[in-house]
Amino acid sequence: MSGTFVGMPAFPEAAREAVGDATLRANLRHATHTIRDKRARAVAELDDWGALREAGRRIKDRTLRHLDTYLLQLEESVTAAGGTVHWAADAAEANRIVTELVRATGETEVVKVKSMATQEIGLNEHLEAEGIAAYETDLAELIVQLGEDRPSHILVPAIHRNRGEIRDIFREKMGSWGRPAPEGLSDTPADLAEAARLHLREKFLRARVGISGANFMVAETGTLVVVESEGNGRMCLTLPETLISVVGIEKVVPTWRDLEVFLQTLPRSSTAERMNPYTSMWTGTTDGDGPGAFHLVLLDNGRTDALADEVGRQALRCIRCSACLNVCPVYERAGGHAYGSVYPGPIGAILTPQLRGTASEVDASLPYASSLCGACYEVCPVAIDIPEVLVHLREKVAGEGGKGHRLERAAIKASTWVLDHPGVLATGERLASAARKVPLPKRLPGPGARQWTDHRDLPELPAEPFRDWWKKNRT
């Protein structure tokens, strides 16, 4: 994955700072509660939601078991339809391929559809370093880009911003990126949307190269699918002369019939709509209609490693609906930036450590960014058991002996030895009881112990060991 978030603190430290931001908490609470309430009503309209959820899970699992076969079929179908397929093992290779494709057109500007994959590999930053300007056209992504910010939500990247903050960003930054904001711009949603529309229109009409991701790829026909609510995606996918799509290899589905399931579950789980206002599909190239050149960059970037993990691979079922973020009590209070990844929330806590590994402190901390309440599993439209994967990854992190875990393992080893020697245990209990008259600290030393006892009182020592009490009262 991209190094965009390298240098960020581990989740506990970042979350502690975020929780202290009252404005951020208010923005998140209002937005997540609104979205999840609307989603619940949309899902309740379908009597067969449980069957659709199970169908989605089975389709994804079957596809992942035979991923090599379907990817080769996809390549053959895309090529037959006039497109070109490129394979990228990691972020560096994907960025190099896209840069070379843009340079081959002679252009120095591109317009972009909202894409998690391109954020994952840090494509915008790479293109900028190569002298190519990449303009985000999704409203929320535009807000993030103009504000020199980072996305904090999968579906609503600017969820941490309120209307007043967005107005100020448009007023201050829009002019340096193109058409400036109208004079006297207010913070009403209609005025903000109109300012963005006017700003982006000139970019749509001028751009010769578009870059997108895809929600799904259909192996049997080579068709790519993008669902969105604003229409900016349709403009990026149809107006440019060259279209480059960077898509994770797990986004493939075998057939059109399989796609039908996800076009019912994704919109209801994400935007709480019965269907997305814009569902764009394209298959290769067609003379006189749409881009004349189409390139598909298939991105691995850690996905094959995740696929090899029998428990963790279920994270690759994810269709990026963000429902798990909107019900997560941890995300609601800490926000997306605390996760140190473009994939925040519960799904990010299991996907990021598998794509990036757990060598860094921030990645090793992510499996612990959860209360294991299970709300994320209940709303997932493809039944990813996120709590199961979290526990699985915690075991992996602990087994690697990362920061804090060496001491924990030493303590468990010492406890095991004591429990295996009853005489030593009895002596320790008596010494503890004898020390009850000595004033003891209310908080334990050390970072790990301190986090536990900062909010809990240590229990008082009993007057006598349990073994002695038992002998007196039960012998």
Protein backbone atom coordinates (compact mmCIF):
# COMPACT_ATOMS: atom_id res chain seq x y z
CA MET A 1 0.00 0.00 0.00
CA SER A 2 0.96 3.61 -0.34
CA GLY A 3 3.17 5.36 2.16
CA THR A 4 0.73 8.28 2.34
CA PHE A 5 0.06 7.65 6.01
CA VAL A 6 3.60 6.65 7.02
CA GLY A 7 4.72 8.45 10.15
CA MET A 8 1.30 8.50 11.77
CA PRO A 9 1.08 7.33 15.38
CA ALA A 10 -0.39 3.95 16.30
CA PHE A 11 -4.16 3.80 16.66
CA PRO A 12 -4.41 4.28 20.47
CA GLU A 13 -2.40 7.50 20.37
CA ALA A 14 -4.16 8.88 17.28
CA ALA A 15 -7.58 7.96 18.65
CA ARG A 16 -6.86 9.62 22.00
CA GLU A 17 -6.18 12.90 20.21
CA ALA A 18 -9.23 12.56 17.96
CA VAL A 19 -11.59 11.87 20.87
CA GLY A 20 -10.59 15.22 22.34
CA ASP A 21 -11.89 17.07 19.24
CA ALA A 22 -15.50 17.96 20.10
CA THR A 23 -16.28 19.28 16.60
CA LEU A 24 -15.04 16.09 14.97
CA ARG A 25 -17.10 13.93 17.32
CA ALA A 26 -20.23 15.97 16.65
CA ASN A 27 -19.74 15.80 12.87
CA LEU A 28 -19.21 12.04 12.97
CA ARG A 29 -22.07 11.32 15.33
CA HIS A 30 -24.56 13.26 13.24
CA ALA A 31 -23.41 11.81 9.91
CA THR A 32 -23.06 8.15 10.93
CA HIS A 33 -26.36 8.03 12.79
CA THR A 34 -28.17 9.61 9.84
CA ILE A 35 -26.67 7.20 7.30
CA ARG A 36 -27.20 4.05 9.36
CA ASP A 37 -30.81 4.91 10.17
CA LYS A 38 -31.58 5.43 6.48
CA ARG A 39 -29.79 2.19 5.61
CA ALA A 40 -31.83 0.23 8.13
CA ARG A 41 -35.06 1.48 6.54
CA ALA A 42 -33.85 0.67 3.02
CA VAL A 43 -32.78 -2.86 3.96
CA ALA A 44 -36.05 -3.51 5.81
CA GLU A 45 -37.93 -3.06 2.53
CA LEU A 46 -36.55 -6.37 1.23
CA ASP A 47 -38.02 -9.58 2.62
CA ASP A 48 -35.16 -11.59 1.09
CA TRP A 49 -32.28 -9.45 2.39
CA GLY A 50 -30.86 -12.41 4.31
CA ALA A 51 -30.90 -14.55 1.16
CA LEU A 52 -29.21 -11.80 -0.87
CA ARG A 53 -26.54 -11.44 1.82
CA GLU A 54 -25.85 -15.17 1.77
CA ALA A 55 -25.78 -15.19 -2.04
CA GLY A 56 -23.24 -12.37 -2.04
CA ARG A 57 -21.06 -14.23 0.44
CA ARG A 58 -21.12 -17.41 -1.62
CA ILE A 59 -20.42 -15.65 -4.91
CA LYS A 60 -17.42 -13.87 -3.42
CA ASP A 61 -16.05 -17.02 -1.78
CA ARG A 62 -16.42 -19.04 -4.97
CA THR A 63 -14.69 -16.30 -6.96
CA LEU A 64 -11.81 -16.07 -4.51
CA ARG A 65 -11.29 -19.85 -4.61
CA HIS A 66 -10.90 -19.69 -8.39
CA LEU A 67 -9.55 -16.14 -8.67
CA ASP A 68 -6.79 -17.06 -11.13
CA THR A 69 -9.28 -18.58 -13.56
CA TYR A 70 -11.65 -15.61 -13.49
CA LEU A 71 -8.86 -13.05 -13.84
CA LEU A 72 -7.53 -14.77 -16.95
CA GLN A 73 -11.06 -14.91 -18.35
CA LEU A 74 -11.45 -11.19 -17.58
CA GLU A 75 -8.19 -10.36 -19.36
CA GLU A 76 -9.29 -12.32 -22.43
CA SER A 77 -12.70 -10.60 -22.49
CA VAL A 78 -11.31 -7.07 -22.03
CA THR A 79 -8.70 -7.63 -24.75
CA ALA A 80 -11.29 -9.02 -27.16
CA ALA A 81 -13.41 -5.91 -26.60
CA GLY A 82 -10.55 -3.56 -27.55
CA GLY A 83 -9.05 -2.81 -24.13
CA THR A 84 -5.54 -3.42 -22.83
CA VAL A 85 -4.83 -5.20 -19.54
CA HIS A 86 -1.81 -4.46 -17.34
CA TRP A 87 -0.79 -6.44 -14.25
CA ALA A 88 0.64 -4.58 -11.24
CA ALA A 89 2.20 -6.55 -8.39
CA ASP A 90 2.43 -3.57 -6.06
CA ALA A 91 1.84 0.16 -5.72
CA ALA A 92 5.12 1.15 -7.33
CA GLU A 93 4.41 -0.89 -10.45
CA ALA A 94 0.84 0.40 -10.73
CA ASN A 95 1.99 4.02 -10.40
CA ARG A 96 4.69 3.48 -13.03
CA ILE A 97 2.21 1.93 -15.48
CA VAL A 98 -0.35 4.73 -15.07
CA THR A 99 2.32 7.44 -15.38
CA GLU A 100 3.65 5.93 -18.60
CA LEU A 101 0.15 5.65 -20.05
CA VAL A 102 -0.61 9.31 -19.28
CA ARG A 103 2.72 10.46 -20.70
CA ALA A 104 2.07 8.52 -23.90
CA THR A 105 -0.96 10.77 -24.50
CA GLY A 106 1.12 13.93 -24.16
CA GLU A 107 -1.25 15.27 -21.50
CA THR A 108 -0.30 16.77 -18.13
CA GLU A 109 -3.78 16.75 -16.55
CA VAL A 110 -6.19 13.96 -15.65
CA VAL A 111 -9.66 13.88 -14.12
CA LYS A 112 -10.45 11.16 -11.60
CA VAL A 113 -13.46 9.19 -10.48
CA LYS A 114 -13.51 8.45 -6.74
CA SER A 115 -11.28 5.40 -6.31
CA MET A 116 -10.06 3.67 -3.16
CA ALA A 117 -7.46 1.71 -5.16
CA THR A 118 -5.74 4.85 -6.45
CA GLN A 119 -5.73 6.30 -2.93
CA GLU A 120 -4.27 3.05 -1.66
CA ILE A 121 -1.28 3.31 -3.99
CA GLY A 122 -0.84 7.08 -3.57
CA LEU A 123 -1.40 7.72 -7.27
CA ASN A 124 -2.19 11.44 -6.97
CA GLU A 125 1.03 12.12 -5.10
CA HIS A 126 3.04 10.08 -7.58
CA LEU A 127 1.54 11.85 -10.60
CA GLU A 128 2.18 15.23 -9.00
CA ALA A 129 5.83 14.31 -8.51
CA GLU A 130 5.96 13.44 -12.22
CA GLY A 131 4.47 16.78 -13.27
CA ILE A 132 0.94 15.53 -13.91
CA ALA A 133 -2.03 17.20 -12.18
CA ALA A 134 -4.77 14.82 -11.01
CA TYR A 135 -8.14 16.46 -10.28
CA GLU A 136 -10.65 14.69 -8.04
CA THR A 137 -14.22 15.15 -9.28
CA ASP A 138 -16.27 13.47 -6.55
CA LEU A 139 -17.62 16.28 -4.35
CA ALA A 140 -16.29 14.85 -1.09
CA GLU A 141 -12.93 13.97 -2.66
CA LEU A 142 -12.75 17.50 -4.08
CA ILE A 143 -13.26 18.90 -0.58
CA VAL A 144 -10.49 16.68 0.76
CA GLN A 145 -8.12 17.60 -2.07
CA LEU A 146 -8.72 21.35 -1.87
CA GLY A 147 -8.33 21.25 1.90
CA GLU A 148 -5.01 19.35 1.63
CA ASP A 149 -6.68 16.79 3.85
CA ARG A 150 -7.01 12.99 3.95
CA PRO A 151 -10.18 10.91 3.42
CA SER A 152 -11.73 9.70 6.67
CA HIS A 153 -14.59 7.53 5.39
CA ILE A 154 -14.96 5.04 2.54
CA LEU A 155 -18.26 6.39 1.22
CA VAL A 156 -18.12 10.00 2.47
CA PRO A 157 -14.41 10.97 2.52
CA ALA A 158 -15.16 14.43 3.97
CA ILE A 159 -17.51 13.19 6.68
CA HIS A 160 -15.35 14.92 9.30
CA ARG A 161 -16.10 18.36 7.78
CA ASN A 162 -19.22 20.44 8.39
CA ARG A 163 -20.81 22.90 5.93
CA GLY A 164 -19.07 25.95 7.37
CA GLU A 165 -15.66 24.33 7.03
CA ILE A 166 -16.43 23.29 3.44
CA ARG A 167 -17.52 26.83 2.52
CA ASP A 168 -14.26 28.23 3.89
CA ILE A 169 -12.20 25.66 1.96
CA PHE A 170 -14.00 26.52 -1.29
CA ARG A 171 -13.54 30.25 -0.73
CA GLU A 172 -9.84 29.98 0.08
CA LYS A 173 -8.59 27.20 -2.22
CA MET A 174 -10.86 26.79 -5.24
CA GLY A 175 -9.29 29.67 -7.18
CA SER A 176 -5.80 28.16 -7.04
CA TRP A 177 -7.09 24.91 -8.61
CA GLY A 178 -9.23 26.46 -11.36
CA ARG A 179 -12.47 28.40 -11.37
CA PRO A 180 -12.83 30.27 -8.04
CA ALA A 181 -15.84 30.02 -5.75
CA PRO A 182 -18.67 32.52 -6.40
CA GLU A 183 -18.58 35.77 -4.46
CA GLY A 184 -20.44 35.58 -1.16
CA LEU A 185 -20.65 31.78 -1.21
CA SER A 186 -22.92 30.55 1.61
CA ASP A 187 -22.81 27.23 3.44
CA THR A 188 -26.15 25.94 2.13
CA PRO A 189 -25.80 22.51 0.44
CA ALA A 190 -27.27 23.80 -2.84
CA ASP A 191 -24.79 26.68 -3.06
CA LEU A 192 -21.83 24.47 -2.20
CA ALA A 193 -22.86 21.89 -4.80
CA GLU A 194 -23.31 24.60 -7.45
CA ALA A 195 -19.86 26.03 -6.71
CA ALA A 196 -18.34 22.55 -7.14
CA ARG A 197 -20.34 21.98 -10.33
CA LEU A 198 -19.10 25.19 -11.94
CA HIS A 199 -15.53 24.51 -10.83
CA LEU A 200 -15.51 20.97 -12.23
CA ARG A 201 -17.34 21.63 -15.49
CA GLU A 202 -14.34 23.25 -17.16
CA LYS A 203 -12.16 20.32 -16.10
CA PHE A 204 -14.55 17.76 -17.56
CA LEU A 205 -14.67 19.58 -20.89
CA ARG A 206 -10.88 20.09 -21.08
CA ALA A 207 -9.60 16.69 -19.89
CA ARG A 208 -8.30 14.16 -22.39
CA VAL A 209 -7.43 11.46 -19.86
CA GLY A 210 -9.70 9.97 -17.19
CA ILE A 211 -8.69 7.69 -14.32
CA SER A 212 -11.14 5.50 -12.44
CA GLY A 213 -11.47 2.49 -10.25
CA ALA A 214 -14.37 0.06 -10.50
CA ASN A 215 -16.88 -1.42 -8.11
CA PHE A 216 -17.07 -4.66 -10.10
CA MET A 217 -15.55 -6.37 -13.15
CA VAL A 218 -17.54 -9.06 -15.00
CA ALA A 219 -15.24 -11.84 -16.19
CA GLU A 220 -17.53 -13.31 -18.86
CA THR A 221 -17.84 -10.03 -20.82
CA GLY A 222 -14.94 -7.84 -19.66
CA THR A 223 -17.40 -5.23 -18.43
CA LEU A 224 -16.44 -2.76 -15.70
CA VAL A 225 -19.01 -1.15 -13.41
CA VAL A 226 -18.93 2.11 -11.46
CA VAL A 227 -21.85 3.12 -9.24
CA GLU A 228 -22.17 6.70 -7.95
CA SER A 229 -24.67 9.35 -6.97
CA GLU A 230 -23.45 12.63 -8.50
CA GLY A 231 -22.83 12.06 -12.21
CA ASN A 232 -19.18 13.13 -12.07
CA GLY A 233 -18.16 9.54 -12.69
CA ARG A 234 -20.22 9.36 -15.87
CA MET A 235 -18.47 12.52 -17.12
CA CYS A 236 -15.00 11.08 -16.40
CA LEU A 237 -15.82 7.74 -17.97
CA THR A 238 -17.29 9.03 -21.23
CA LEU A 239 -15.73 12.40 -22.18
CA PRO A 240 -11.94 11.76 -22.13
CA GLU A 241 -10.18 10.18 -25.11
CA THR A 242 -8.25 7.78 -22.87
CA LEU A 243 -9.59 5.94 -19.82
CA ILE A 244 -7.32 4.18 -17.31
CA SER A 245 -8.97 2.04 -14.61
CA VAL A 246 -6.98 0.83 -11.60
CA VAL A 247 -8.85 -2.02 -9.90
CA GLY A 248 -8.03 -4.51 -7.17
CA ILE A 249 -8.01 -8.11 -8.41
CA GLU A 250 -10.69 -9.09 -5.87
CA LYS A 251 -13.31 -6.91 -7.60
CA VAL A 252 -14.00 -9.50 -10.31
CA VAL A 253 -17.31 -11.42 -10.43
CA PRO A 254 -17.86 -14.35 -12.80
CA THR A 255 -21.13 -13.46 -14.56
CA TRP A 256 -23.79 -10.82 -15.14
CA ARG A 257 -26.16 -12.87 -13.03
CA ASP A 258 -23.73 -12.58 -10.10
CA LEU A 259 -23.58 -8.82 -10.60
CA GLU A 260 -27.35 -8.64 -10.12
CA VAL A 261 -26.98 -9.57 -6.43
CA PHE A 262 -24.51 -6.80 -5.64
CA LEU A 263 -26.43 -4.13 -7.52
CA GLN A 264 -29.21 -4.76 -4.99
CA THR A 265 -27.11 -4.98 -1.81
CA LEU A 266 -24.47 -2.29 -2.42
CA PRO A 267 -26.69 0.79 -2.85
CA ARG A 268 -28.92 -0.08 0.10
CA SER A 269 -25.94 -0.73 2.36
CA SER A 270 -23.97 2.34 1.30
CA THR A 271 -26.21 5.26 0.32
CA ALA A 272 -29.51 3.71 1.53
CA GLU A 273 -30.88 3.97 -2.00
CA ARG A 274 -32.81 1.28 -3.87
CA MET A 275 -30.36 1.76 -6.72
CA ASN A 276 -27.60 4.22 -7.43
CA PRO A 277 -28.61 7.25 -9.53
CA TYR A 278 -25.70 6.53 -11.89
CA THR A 279 -24.64 2.97 -12.73
CA SER A 280 -22.05 3.20 -15.52
CA MET A 281 -20.90 0.10 -17.41
CA TRP A 282 -18.38 -0.13 -20.23
CA THR A 283 -16.85 -2.98 -22.18
CA GLY A 284 -13.61 -2.19 -23.99
CA THR A 285 -13.93 0.52 -26.63
CA THR A 286 -16.56 1.39 -29.24
CA ASP A 287 -16.01 3.54 -32.32
CA GLY A 288 -17.58 6.95 -31.92
CA ASP A 289 -18.79 6.36 -28.37
CA GLY A 290 -16.73 6.99 -25.24
CA PRO A 291 -12.94 6.84 -24.90
CA GLY A 292 -10.97 5.58 -27.88
CA ALA A 293 -8.40 3.86 -25.66
CA PHE A 294 -9.11 1.83 -22.52
CA HIS A 295 -6.50 0.44 -20.12
CA LEU A 296 -7.23 -1.81 -17.15
CA VAL A 297 -4.56 -2.01 -14.45
CA LEU A 298 -5.18 -5.06 -12.25
CA LEU A 299 -3.72 -4.39 -8.80
CA ASP A 300 -2.45 -7.05 -6.39
CA ASN A 301 -0.58 -5.02 -3.74
CA GLY A 302 -0.88 -7.58 -0.95
CA ARG A 303 -4.14 -9.20 -2.01
CA THR A 304 -2.53 -12.50 -2.93
CA ASP A 305 -0.96 -12.65 0.52
CA ALA A 306 -4.36 -12.01 2.11
CA LEU A 307 -5.89 -14.70 -0.09
CA ALA A 308 -3.46 -17.26 1.35
CA ASP A 309 -4.87 -16.70 4.87
CA GLU A 310 -7.89 -18.99 5.25
CA VAL A 311 -9.43 -16.83 7.99
CA GLY A 312 -8.32 -13.38 6.85
CA ARG A 313 -9.20 -13.82 3.17
CA GLN A 314 -12.86 -13.07 3.85
CA ALA A 315 -11.86 -9.39 4.03
CA LEU A 316 -11.47 -9.60 0.23
CA ARG A 317 -15.24 -10.07 -0.05
CA CYS A 318 -15.65 -6.39 0.85
CA ILE A 319 -17.67 -4.33 -1.65
CA ARG A 320 -16.73 -1.01 0.02
CA CYS A 321 -20.24 -0.11 1.19
CA SER A 322 -18.94 1.40 4.49
CA ALA A 323 -21.92 0.09 6.52
CA CYS A 324 -19.52 -1.26 9.15
CA LEU A 325 -18.07 2.22 9.74
CA ASN A 326 -21.47 3.74 10.37
CA VAL A 327 -22.36 1.33 13.20
CA CYS A 328 -18.94 1.11 14.83
CA PRO A 329 -18.75 2.86 18.24
CA VAL A 330 -14.97 3.12 17.93
CA TYR A 331 -15.05 4.78 14.51
CA GLU A 332 -17.80 7.15 15.62
CA ARG A 333 -15.60 8.53 18.38
CA ALA A 334 -12.12 8.27 16.85
CA GLY A 335 -12.83 9.11 13.20
CA GLY A 336 -11.15 7.71 10.12
CA HIS A 337 -7.77 9.45 10.30
CA ALA A 338 -6.84 7.57 13.47
CA TYR A 339 -6.56 4.33 11.48
CA GLY A 340 -3.58 5.60 9.49
CA SER A 341 -4.92 4.14 6.24
CA VAL A 342 -7.25 4.97 3.37
CA TYR A 343 -9.37 2.08 4.68
CA PRO A 344 -10.70 3.21 8.08
CA GLY A 345 -13.15 1.61 10.46
CA PRO A 346 -13.70 -2.10 11.11
CA ILE A 347 -12.95 -3.21 7.54
CA GLY A 348 -9.75 -1.17 7.56
CA ALA A 349 -8.72 -2.75 10.85
CA ILE A 350 -8.64 -6.18 9.15
CA LEU A 351 -7.82 -5.26 5.54
CA THR A 352 -4.90 -2.87 6.06
CA PRO A 353 -2.78 -5.20 8.24
CA GLN A 354 -3.18 -7.91 5.62
CA LEU A 355 -2.26 -5.69 2.67
CA ARG A 356 0.60 -3.87 4.41
CA GLY A 357 1.68 -6.44 6.98
CA THR A 358 2.05 -5.78 10.70
CA ALA A 359 5.67 -4.71 10.86
CA SER A 360 4.88 -1.07 11.63
CA GLU A 361 3.47 0.08 14.96
CA VAL A 362 0.37 1.58 13.37
CA ASP A 363 -0.47 -1.60 11.40
CA ALA A 364 0.14 -3.84 14.41
CA SER A 365 -2.25 -1.71 16.46
CA LEU A 366 -5.20 -1.87 14.04
CA PRO A 367 -6.56 -5.33 15.01
CA TYR A 368 -7.00 -3.91 18.52
CA ALA A 369 -9.05 -0.91 17.29
CA SER A 370 -12.32 -2.62 18.16
CA SER A 371 -14.54 -3.51 21.09
CA LEU A 372 -15.55 -6.77 19.31
CA CYS A 373 -19.21 -5.83 19.74
CA GLY A 374 -20.11 -7.52 16.45
CA ALA A 375 -22.25 -4.71 15.00
CA CYS A 376 -20.03 -4.64 11.91
CA TYR A 377 -20.74 -8.29 11.13
CA GLU A 378 -24.48 -7.80 11.53
CA VAL A 379 -24.65 -5.09 8.84
CA CYS A 380 -22.08 -6.45 6.37
CA PRO A 381 -23.89 -7.27 3.08
CA VAL A 382 -21.41 -10.05 2.29
CA ALA A 383 -21.26 -11.45 5.86
CA ILE A 384 -17.60 -10.76 6.62
CA ASP A 385 -17.05 -11.93 10.20
CA ILE A 386 -14.89 -8.96 11.13
CA PRO A 387 -14.65 -9.85 14.86
CA GLU A 388 -13.34 -13.31 13.95
CA VAL A 389 -10.66 -11.83 11.71
CA LEU A 390 -9.73 -9.23 14.32
CA VAL A 391 -9.09 -11.93 16.92
CA HIS A 392 -7.17 -13.95 14.33
CA LEU A 393 -4.94 -10.97 13.52
CA ARG A 394 -4.44 -10.16 17.21
CA GLU A 395 -3.11 -13.69 17.68
CA LYS A 396 -0.78 -13.16 14.74
CA VAL A 397 0.51 -9.82 16.06
CA ALA A 398 1.05 -11.25 19.54
CA GLY A 399 2.87 -14.24 18.07
CA GLU A 400 5.27 -11.94 16.26
CA GLY A 401 6.29 -10.47 19.62
CA GLY A 402 5.75 -6.85 18.76
CA LYS A 403 5.92 -3.89 21.12
CA GLY A 404 4.29 -4.76 24.44
CA HIS A 405 3.73 -8.39 23.58
CA ARG A 406 7.16 -9.62 24.73
CA LEU A 407 6.39 -8.46 28.25
CA GLU A 408 2.90 -9.95 28.03
CA ARG A 409 4.27 -13.32 26.93
CA ALA A 410 6.87 -13.24 29.72
CA ALA A 411 4.13 -12.53 32.27
CA ILE A 412 1.98 -15.39 30.98
CA LYS A 413 4.95 -17.75 31.02
CA ALA A 414 5.75 -16.78 34.62
CA SER A 415 2.09 -17.19 35.63
CA THR A 416 2.01 -20.64 34.05
CA TRP A 417 5.03 -21.72 36.07
CA VAL A 418 3.50 -20.43 39.32
CA LEU A 419 0.19 -22.18 38.66
CA ASP A 420 2.06 -25.41 37.98
CA HIS A 421 3.67 -25.21 41.47
CA PRO A 422 0.92 -25.06 44.15
CA GLY A 423 3.41 -24.47 46.96
CA VAL A 424 4.77 -21.35 45.29
CA LEU A 425 1.23 -20.10 44.63
CA ALA A 426 0.20 -20.64 48.27
CA THR A 427 3.28 -18.78 49.53
CA GLY A 428 2.55 -15.88 47.20
CA GLU A 429 -1.06 -15.68 48.39
CA ARG A 430 -0.01 -15.52 52.02
CA LEU A 431 2.57 -12.84 51.32
CA ALA A 432 -0.07 -10.80 49.48
CA SER A 433 -2.51 -11.07 52.40
CA ALA A 434 0.20 -10.09 54.86
CA ALA A 435 0.90 -6.98 52.81
CA ARG A 436 -2.69 -5.74 52.85
CA LYS A 437 -1.95 -3.33 55.73
CA VAL A 438 0.77 -1.67 53.63
CA PRO A 439 -0.58 1.26 51.51
CA LEU A 440 -0.63 0.10 47.90
CA PRO A 441 -0.77 2.32 44.78
CA LYS A 442 -4.11 2.75 43.05
CA ARG A 443 -2.45 2.71 39.62
CA LEU A 444 0.03 0.22 38.24
CA PRO A 445 3.27 1.40 36.59
CA GLY A 446 4.06 0.85 32.92
CA PRO A 447 2.18 2.04 29.79
CA GLY A 448 0.09 -1.11 29.29
CA ALA A 449 -0.90 -1.51 32.93
CA ARG A 450 -1.50 2.21 33.30
CA GLN A 451 -4.02 2.19 30.42
CA TRP A 452 -5.95 -0.50 32.29
CA THR A 453 -5.88 1.05 35.76
CA ASP A 454 -6.45 4.67 34.67
CA HIS A 455 -10.16 3.80 34.55
CA ARG A 456 -10.38 0.89 37.00
CA ASP A 457 -9.63 0.52 40.71
CA LEU A 458 -7.34 -2.27 41.80
CA PRO A 459 -9.24 -4.82 43.95
CA GLU A 460 -8.52 -4.85 47.65
CA LEU A 461 -6.50 -7.79 48.94
CA PRO A 462 -8.49 -10.28 51.07
CA ALA A 463 -7.77 -10.66 54.77
CA GLU A 464 -6.55 -14.23 54.25
CA PRO A 465 -5.78 -16.53 51.33
CA PHE A 466 -8.68 -18.51 49.91
CA ARG A 467 -6.91 -21.78 50.71
CA ASP A 468 -6.74 -20.88 54.43
CA TRP A 469 -10.40 -19.82 54.44
CA TRP A 470 -11.39 -23.10 52.81
CA LYS A 471 -9.51 -25.17 55.38
CA LYS A 472 -11.29 -23.37 58.21
CA ASN A 473 -14.79 -23.46 56.79
CA ARG A 474 -15.00 -26.50 54.51
CA THR A 475 -12.64 -29.18 55.83
